[in-house]
C-alpha atoms as a PDB file:
ATOM      1  CA  MET A   1      22.894  57.907 -30.656  1.00  0.00           C
ATOM      2  CA  SER A   2      19.365  57.204 -31.430  1.00  0.00           C
ATOM      3  CA  ASP A   3      17.587  53.869 -31.814  1.00  0.00           C
ATOM      4  CA  TYR A   4      15.359  55.328 -34.496  1.00  0.00           C
ATOM      5  CA  GLY A   5      15.293  53.078 -37.552  1.00  0.00           C
ATOM      6  CA  ASN A   6      16.592  49.988 -35.799  1.00  0.00           C
ATOM      7  CA  THR A   7      14.172  47.078 -35.796  1.00  0.00           C
ATOM      8  CA  PRO A   8      13.488  45.485 -32.428  1.00  0.00           C
ATOM      9  CA  PRO A   9      14.393  41.835 -31.925  1.00  0.00           C
ATOM     10  CA  PRO A  10      11.654  39.333 -32.718  1.00  0.00           C
ATOM     11  CA  PRO A  11       9.476  38.198 -29.824  1.00  0.00           C
ATOM     12  CA  PRO A  12      10.316  34.899 -28.176  1.00  0.00           C
ATOM     13  CA  PRO A  13       8.544  31.834 -29.520  1.00  0.00           C
ATOM     14  CA  PRO A  14       5.407  30.690 -27.671  1.00  0.00           C
ATOM     15  CA  PRO A  15       5.969  28.128 -24.942  1.00  0.00           C
ATOM     16  CA  MET A  16       5.745  24.472 -25.857  1.00  0.00           C
ATOM     17  CA  PRO A  17       2.551  22.680 -24.820  1.00  0.00           C
ATOM     18  CA  TYR A  18       2.663  20.671 -21.618  1.00  0.00           C
ATOM     19  CA  GLY A  19       4.081  17.195 -22.051  1.00  0.00           C
ATOM     20  CA  ALA A  20       6.443  15.720 -24.556  1.00  0.00           C
ATOM     21  CA  PRO A  21       6.655  17.313 -27.995  1.00  0.00           C
ATOM     22  CA  GLY A  22       5.546  15.279 -30.968  1.00  0.00           C
ATOM     23  CA  ALA A  23       2.528  13.136 -31.591  1.00  0.00           C
ATOM     24  CA  VAL A  24       0.021  13.170 -28.743  1.00  0.00           C
ATOM     25  CA  THR A  25      -0.993   9.700 -27.672  1.00  0.00           C
ATOM     26  CA  PRO A  26      -4.071   8.945 -25.594  1.00  0.00           C
ATOM     27  CA  PRO A  27      -3.550   7.921 -21.971  1.00  0.00           C
ATOM     28  CA  PRO A  28      -3.711   4.226 -21.133  1.00  0.00           C
ATOM     29  CA  ALA A  29      -7.072   2.775 -20.151  1.00  0.00           C
ATOM     30  CA  ASN A  30      -7.824   3.211 -16.463  1.00  0.00           C
ATOM     31  CA  TYR A  31     -10.341   0.322 -16.103  1.00  0.00           C
ATOM     32  CA  LEU A  32     -12.284   2.275 -13.467  1.00  0.00           C
ATOM     33  CA  VAL A  33     -15.668   0.833 -14.482  1.00  0.00           C
ATOM     34  CA  TRP A  34     -14.335  -2.718 -14.324  1.00  0.00           C
ATOM     35  CA  ALA A  35     -12.697  -1.987 -10.975  1.00  0.00           C
ATOM     36  CA  ILE A  36     -15.940  -0.686  -9.472  1.00  0.00           C
ATOM     37  CA  LEU A  37     -18.024  -3.545 -10.885  1.00  0.00           C
ATOM     38  CA  SER A  38     -15.579  -6.193  -9.706  1.00  0.00           C
ATOM     39  CA  THR A  39     -15.528  -4.600  -6.252  1.00  0.00           C
ATOM     40  CA  VAL A  40     -19.298  -4.400  -5.889  1.00  0.00           C
ATOM     41  CA  LEU A  41     -20.278  -7.652  -7.587  1.00  0.00           C
ATOM     42  CA  CYS A  42     -17.343  -9.969  -7.032  1.00  0.00           C
ATOM     43  CA  CYS A  43     -14.578  -9.586  -4.505  1.00  0.00           C
ATOM     44  CA  LEU A  44     -14.089  -6.572  -2.242  1.00  0.00           C
ATOM     45  CA  PRO A  45     -10.492  -7.284  -1.076  1.00  0.00           C
ATOM     46  CA  LEU A  46      -9.181  -7.445  -4.649  1.00  0.00           C
ATOM     47  CA  GLY A  47     -11.474  -4.772  -6.048  1.00  0.00           C
ATOM     48  CA  ILE A  48     -10.257  -2.001  -3.756  1.00  0.00           C
ATOM     49  CA  PRO A  49      -6.643  -2.098  -5.029  1.00  0.00           C
ATOM     50  CA  SER A  50      -8.049  -2.151  -8.539  1.00  0.00           C
ATOM     51  CA  ILE A  51      -9.937   1.087  -7.838  1.00  0.00           C
ATOM     52  CA  VAL A  52      -6.833   2.661  -6.271  1.00  0.00           C
ATOM     53  CA  PHE A  53      -4.616   1.842  -9.255  1.00  0.00           C
ATOM     54  CA  SER A  54      -7.256   2.854 -11.780  1.00  0.00           C
ATOM     55  CA  THR A  55      -7.575   6.296 -10.195  1.00  0.00           C
ATOM     56  CA  GLN A  56      -3.797   6.749 -10.355  1.00  0.00           C
ATOM     57  CA  VAL A  57      -3.654   6.314 -14.140  1.00  0.00           C
ATOM     58  CA  ASN A  58      -4.990   9.727 -15.168  1.00  0.00           C
ATOM     59  CA  SER A  59      -3.150  11.663 -12.472  1.00  0.00           C
ATOM     60  CA  LYS A  60       0.183  10.067 -13.373  1.00  0.00           C
ATOM     61  CA  TRP A  61      -0.490  10.718 -17.049  1.00  0.00           C
ATOM     62  CA  ALA A  62      -1.287  14.369 -16.341  1.00  0.00           C
ATOM     63  CA  VAL A  63       2.074  14.988 -14.669  1.00  0.00           C
ATOM     64  CA  GLY A  64       3.941  13.265 -17.499  1.00  0.00           C
ATOM     65  CA  ASP A  65       4.697   9.958 -15.772  1.00  0.00           C
ATOM     66  CA  VAL A  66       3.935   7.770 -18.780  1.00  0.00           C
ATOM     67  CA  ALA A  67       5.620   4.645 -17.405  1.00  0.00           C
ATOM     68  CA  GLY A  68       3.844   5.037 -14.063  1.00  0.00           C
ATOM     69  CA  ALA A  69       0.485   5.494 -15.793  1.00  0.00           C
ATOM     70  CA  GLN A  70       1.018   2.367 -17.877  1.00  0.00           C
ATOM     71  CA  GLU A  71       2.076   0.388 -14.820  1.00  0.00           C
ATOM     72  CA  ALA A  72      -0.949   1.572 -12.811  1.00  0.00           C
ATOM     73  CA  SER A  73      -3.206   0.677 -15.746  1.00  0.00           C
ATOM     74  CA  ALA A  74      -1.758  -2.825 -15.939  1.00  0.00           C
ATOM     75  CA  LYS A  75      -2.146  -3.331 -12.177  1.00  0.00           C
ATOM     76  CA  ALA A  76      -5.721  -2.022 -12.212  1.00  0.00           C
ATOM     77  CA  ARG A  77      -6.594  -4.463 -14.993  1.00  0.00           C
ATOM     78  CA  GLN A  78      -4.835  -7.321 -13.219  1.00  0.00           C
ATOM     79  CA  PHE A  79      -6.628  -6.755  -9.904  1.00  0.00           C
ATOM     80  CA  ALA A  80      -9.995  -6.358 -11.657  1.00  0.00           C
ATOM     81  CA  ILE A  81      -9.498  -9.691 -13.449  1.00  0.00           C
ATOM     82  CA  TRP A  82      -8.430 -11.413 -10.233  1.00  0.00           C
ATOM     83  CA  ALA A  83     -11.452  -9.986  -8.417  1.00  0.00           C
ATOM     84  CA  GLY A  84     -13.765 -11.174 -11.199  1.00  0.00           C
ATOM     85  CA  VAL A  85     -12.304 -14.681 -11.193  1.00  0.00           C
ATOM     86  CA  ALA A  86     -12.439 -14.884  -7.393  1.00  0.00           C
ATOM     87  CA  GLY A  87     -16.032 -13.654  -7.458  1.00  0.00           C
ATOM     88  CA  VAL A  88     -17.087 -16.279  -9.994  1.00  0.00           C
ATOM     89  CA  ILE A  89     -15.399 -19.008  -7.971  1.00  0.00           C
ATOM     90  CA  LEU A  90     -17.091 -17.843  -4.765  1.00  0.00           C
ATOM     91  CA  TRP A  91     -20.517 -17.617  -6.442  1.00  0.00           C
ATOM     92  CA  VAL A  92     -20.108 -21.159  -7.825  1.00  0.00           C
ATOM     93  CA  LEU A  93     -19.087 -22.490  -4.406  1.00  0.00           C
ATOM     94  CA  TRP A  94     -22.037 -20.673  -2.806  1.00  0.00           C
ATOM     95  CA  GLY A  95     -24.380 -22.233  -5.370  1.00  0.00           C
ATOM     96  CA  ILE A  96     -22.974 -25.695  -4.652  1.00  0.00           C
ATOM     97  CA  LEU A  97     -23.451 -25.189  -0.916  1.00  0.00           C
ATOM     98  CA  ILE A  98     -27.044 -24.070  -1.426  1.00  0.00           C
ATOM     99  CA  ALA A  99     -27.730 -27.031  -3.732  1.00  0.00           C
ATOM    100  CA  VAL A 100     -26.262 -29.477  -1.222  1.00  0.00           C
ATOM    101  CA  GLY A 101     -28.286 -27.909   1.564  1.00  0.00           C
ATOM    102  CA  VAL A 102     -31.517 -28.085  -0.433  1.00  0.00           C
ATOM    103  CA  ALA A 103     -30.792 -31.678  -1.438  1.00  0.00           C
ATOM    104  CA  ASN A 104     -30.266 -32.564   2.212  1.00  0.00           C
ATOM    105  CA  ILE A 105     -33.738 -31.424   3.300  1.00  0.00           C
ATOM    106  CA  ASN A 106     -36.298 -34.135   4.083  1.00  0.00           C
ATOM    107  CA  TRP A 107     -39.319 -32.630   2.378  1.00  0.00           C
ATOM    108  CA  ASN A 108     -41.767 -34.800   4.390  1.00  0.00           C
ATOM    109  CA  THR A 109     -40.736 -33.514   7.824  1.00  0.00           C
ATOM    110  CA  GLY A 110     -39.000 -30.267   6.944  1.00  0.00           C
ATOM    111  CA  THR A 111     -35.760 -31.347   8.636  1.00  0.00           C
ATOM    112  CA  ASN A 112     -32.488 -32.401   7.174  1.00  0.00           C
ATOM    113  CA  THR A 113     -31.557 -36.061   6.753  1.00  0.00           C
ATOM    114  CA  SER A 114     -29.010 -36.019   9.546  1.00  0.00           C
ATOM    115  CA  GLY A 115     -31.769 -35.620  12.155  1.00  0.00           C
ATOM    116  CA  PHE A 116     -30.796 -32.174  13.442  1.00  0.00           C
END
């Protein structure tokens, strides 16, 4: 028998795009700029984890780990805020120490009032 006149089966449908089907949502914010600024300007020990978590957001999103990306985003934001608050507190304390030191100087002799 011959296959002449028979129509071939239709081609398979194209593959689905990577990720979940449906509406495409943007990835969560990674807060990388805030993490870097809080590390450089405020508090290094809390800024480093903020940078680590903020760099994990996009990579977790790319492999489809939506919950992990959202969790890393929340942790990056949390550490950046903590670093900023700690930095402000440390700068205020530093300013108070400088003000107390300047107020303790005897301007006539150039020594402090305690005699040392």
